[in-house]
Amino acid sequence: MVVETSALVQRRLGAEAVRDLHDRLLRPLSIVWIDKATHDAAVSALLAGGPMTLVDLVSFEVMRRLQIETAFAFDRDFARQGFALVP
């Protein structure tokens, strides 16, 4: 998500906004870096024909492995995968 969000912010708002994103928002958060096994599991799900993005599939895999049940997301795919949504 960090890569996807950084790219989106850079494209829409520019380099200074990316700096603010990393310094002010991401720095205090715990970021989970994925390993090969997590990536491979998400790619397998993607290749199985799911309509979701690789980014979403990685998120689902990480959340399941960490036993996270609630997502702060507007993407209904999280709910379809069995996660509670906030807001």
C-alpha atoms as a PDB file:
ATOM      1  CA  MET A   1       0.000   0.000   0.000  1.00  0.00           C
ATOM      2  CA  VAL A   2       2.877   2.386   0.646  1.00  0.00           C
ATOM      3  CA  VAL A   3       4.059   2.093  -2.954  1.00  0.00           C
ATOM      4  CA  GLU A   4       0.573   2.457  -4.415  1.00  0.00           C
ATOM      5  CA  THR A   5      -0.310   5.407  -2.169  1.00  0.00           C
ATOM      6  CA  SER A   6       3.005   7.152  -2.782  1.00  0.00           C
ATOM      7  CA  ALA A   7       2.569   6.823  -6.541  1.00  0.00           C
ATOM      8  CA  LEU A   8      -0.985   8.169  -6.406  1.00  0.00           C
ATOM      9  CA  VAL A   9      -0.028  11.137  -4.206  1.00  0.00           C
ATOM     10  CA  GLN A  10       2.971  11.948  -6.404  1.00  0.00           C
ATOM     11  CA  ARG A  11       0.890  11.801  -9.583  1.00  0.00           C
ATOM     12  CA  ARG A  12      -1.919  13.942  -8.203  1.00  0.00           C
ATOM     13  CA  LEU A  13      -0.214  16.280  -5.743  1.00  0.00           C
ATOM     14  CA  GLY A  14       3.524  16.256  -6.423  1.00  0.00           C
ATOM     15  CA  ALA A  15       6.787  15.515  -4.632  1.00  0.00           C
ATOM     16  CA  GLU A  16       6.200  17.787  -1.632  1.00  0.00           C
ATOM     17  CA  ALA A  17       2.960  15.953  -0.846  1.00  0.00           C
ATOM     18  CA  VAL A  18       4.824  12.624  -0.992  1.00  0.00           C
ATOM     19  CA  ARG A  19       7.339  13.992   1.511  1.00  0.00           C
ATOM     20  CA  ASP A  20       4.487  15.024   3.826  1.00  0.00           C
ATOM     21  CA  LEU A  21       2.849  11.616   3.401  1.00  0.00           C
ATOM     22  CA  HIS A  22       6.006   9.820   4.494  1.00  0.00           C
ATOM     23  CA  ASP A  23       7.078  12.256   7.217  1.00  0.00           C
ATOM     24  CA  ARG A  24       3.743  13.045   8.811  1.00  0.00           C
ATOM     25  CA  LEU A  25       1.490  10.068   8.159  1.00  0.00           C
ATOM     26  CA  LEU A  26       3.566   6.954   7.534  1.00  0.00           C
ATOM     27  CA  ARG A  27       6.408   7.522   9.997  1.00  0.00           C
ATOM     28  CA  PRO A  28       4.247   6.932  13.115  1.00  0.00           C
ATOM     29  CA  LEU A  29       2.576   3.823  11.628  1.00  0.00           C
ATOM     30  CA  SER A  30       3.728   0.225  11.783  1.00  0.00           C
ATOM     31  CA  ILE A  31       4.376  -0.953   8.237  1.00  0.00           C
ATOM     32  CA  VAL A  32       4.351  -4.669   7.475  1.00  0.00           C
ATOM     33  CA  TRP A  33       6.807  -5.511   4.706  1.00  0.00           C
ATOM     34  CA  ILE A  34       5.752  -8.641   2.871  1.00  0.00           C
ATOM     35  CA  ASP A  35       7.915 -11.657   2.303  1.00  0.00           C
ATOM     36  CA  LYS A  36       8.098 -13.976  -0.696  1.00  0.00           C
ATOM     37  CA  ALA A  37       5.565 -16.427   0.753  1.00  0.00           C
ATOM     38  CA  THR A  38       2.964 -13.679   1.215  1.00  0.00           C
ATOM     39  CA  HIS A  39       3.621 -12.303  -2.262  1.00  0.00           C
ATOM     40  CA  ASP A  40       3.400 -15.782  -3.809  1.00  0.00           C
ATOM     41  CA  ALA A  41       0.098 -16.509  -2.046  1.00  0.00           C
ATOM     42  CA  ALA A  42      -1.387 -13.250  -3.355  1.00  0.00           C
ATOM     43  CA  VAL A  43      -0.123 -13.890  -6.892  1.00  0.00           C
ATOM     44  CA  SER A  44      -1.658 -17.387  -6.788  1.00  0.00           C
ATOM     45  CA  ALA A  45      -5.003 -15.865  -5.809  1.00  0.00           C
ATOM     46  CA  LEU A  46      -4.678 -13.318  -8.605  1.00  0.00           C
ATOM     47  CA  LEU A  47      -3.890 -15.991 -11.189  1.00  0.00           C
ATOM     48  CA  ALA A  48      -6.835 -18.080  -9.975  1.00  0.00           C
ATOM     49  CA  GLY A  49      -8.999 -15.504 -11.704  1.00  0.00           C
ATOM     50  CA  GLY A  50     -10.122 -13.156  -8.991  1.00  0.00           C
ATOM     51  CA  PRO A  51     -11.188  -9.699 -10.184  1.00  0.00           C
ATOM     52  CA  MET A  52      -9.276  -7.997  -7.375  1.00  0.00           C
ATOM     53  CA  THR A  53      -5.923  -6.249  -7.624  1.00  0.00           C
ATOM     54  CA  LEU A  54      -2.643  -7.711  -6.431  1.00  0.00           C
ATOM     55  CA  VAL A  55      -2.453  -4.913  -3.857  1.00  0.00           C
ATOM     56  CA  ASP A  56      -5.809  -5.926  -2.372  1.00  0.00           C
ATOM     57  CA  LEU A  57      -4.889  -9.613  -2.399  1.00  0.00           C
ATOM     58  CA  VAL A  58      -1.627  -8.895  -0.560  1.00  0.00           C
ATOM     59  CA  SER A  59      -3.602  -6.846   1.977  1.00  0.00           C
ATOM     60  CA  PHE A  60      -6.040  -9.729   2.556  1.00  0.00           C
ATOM     61  CA  GLU A  61      -3.190 -12.218   2.978  1.00  0.00           C
ATOM     62  CA  VAL A  62      -1.345  -9.997   5.475  1.00  0.00           C
ATOM     63  CA  MET A  63      -4.523  -9.289   7.430  1.00  0.00           C
ATOM     64  CA  ARG A  64      -5.339 -12.988   7.686  1.00  0.00           C
ATOM     65  CA  ARG A  65      -1.795 -13.877   8.768  1.00  0.00           C
ATOM     66  CA  LEU A  66      -1.851 -11.155  11.445  1.00  0.00           C
ATOM     67  CA  GLN A  67      -5.439 -12.004  12.441  1.00  0.00           C
ATOM     68  CA  ILE A  68      -6.665  -8.502  11.665  1.00  0.00           C
ATOM     69  CA  GLU A  69     -10.447  -8.474  11.376  1.00  0.00           C
ATOM     70  CA  THR A  70     -11.205  -4.813  10.611  1.00  0.00           C
ATOM     71  CA  ALA A  71     -10.024  -2.636   7.745  1.00  0.00           C
ATOM     72  CA  PHE A  72     -10.127   1.122   7.392  1.00  0.00           C
ATOM     73  CA  ALA A  73     -11.231   1.015   3.768  1.00  0.00           C
ATOM     74  CA  PHE A  74     -13.861   2.168   1.333  1.00  0.00           C
ATOM     75  CA  ASP A  75     -13.247  -0.836  -0.930  1.00  0.00           C
ATOM     76  CA  ARG A  76     -16.154  -3.293  -0.609  1.00  0.00           C
ATOM     77  CA  ASP A  77     -13.821  -6.171  -1.590  1.00  0.00           C
ATOM     78  CA  PHE A  78     -12.579  -6.170   2.013  1.00  0.00           C
ATOM     79  CA  ALA A  79     -16.133  -6.832   3.236  1.00  0.00           C
ATOM     80  CA  ARG A  80     -16.601  -9.522   0.578  1.00  0.00           C
ATOM     81  CA  GLN A  81     -13.445 -11.172   1.938  1.00  0.00           C
ATOM     82  CA  GLY A  82     -14.992 -11.250   5.418  1.00  0.00           C
ATOM     83  CA  PHE A  83     -13.405  -8.185   7.013  1.00  0.00           C
ATOM     84  CA  ALA A  84     -15.352  -5.561   8.930  1.00  0.00           C
ATOM     85  CA  LEU A  85     -15.054  -2.079   7.446  1.00  0.00           C
ATOM     86  CA  VAL A  86     -14.458   1.262   9.097  1.00  0.00           C
ATOM     87  CA  PRO A  87     -15.937   3.750   8.310  1.00  0.00           C
END
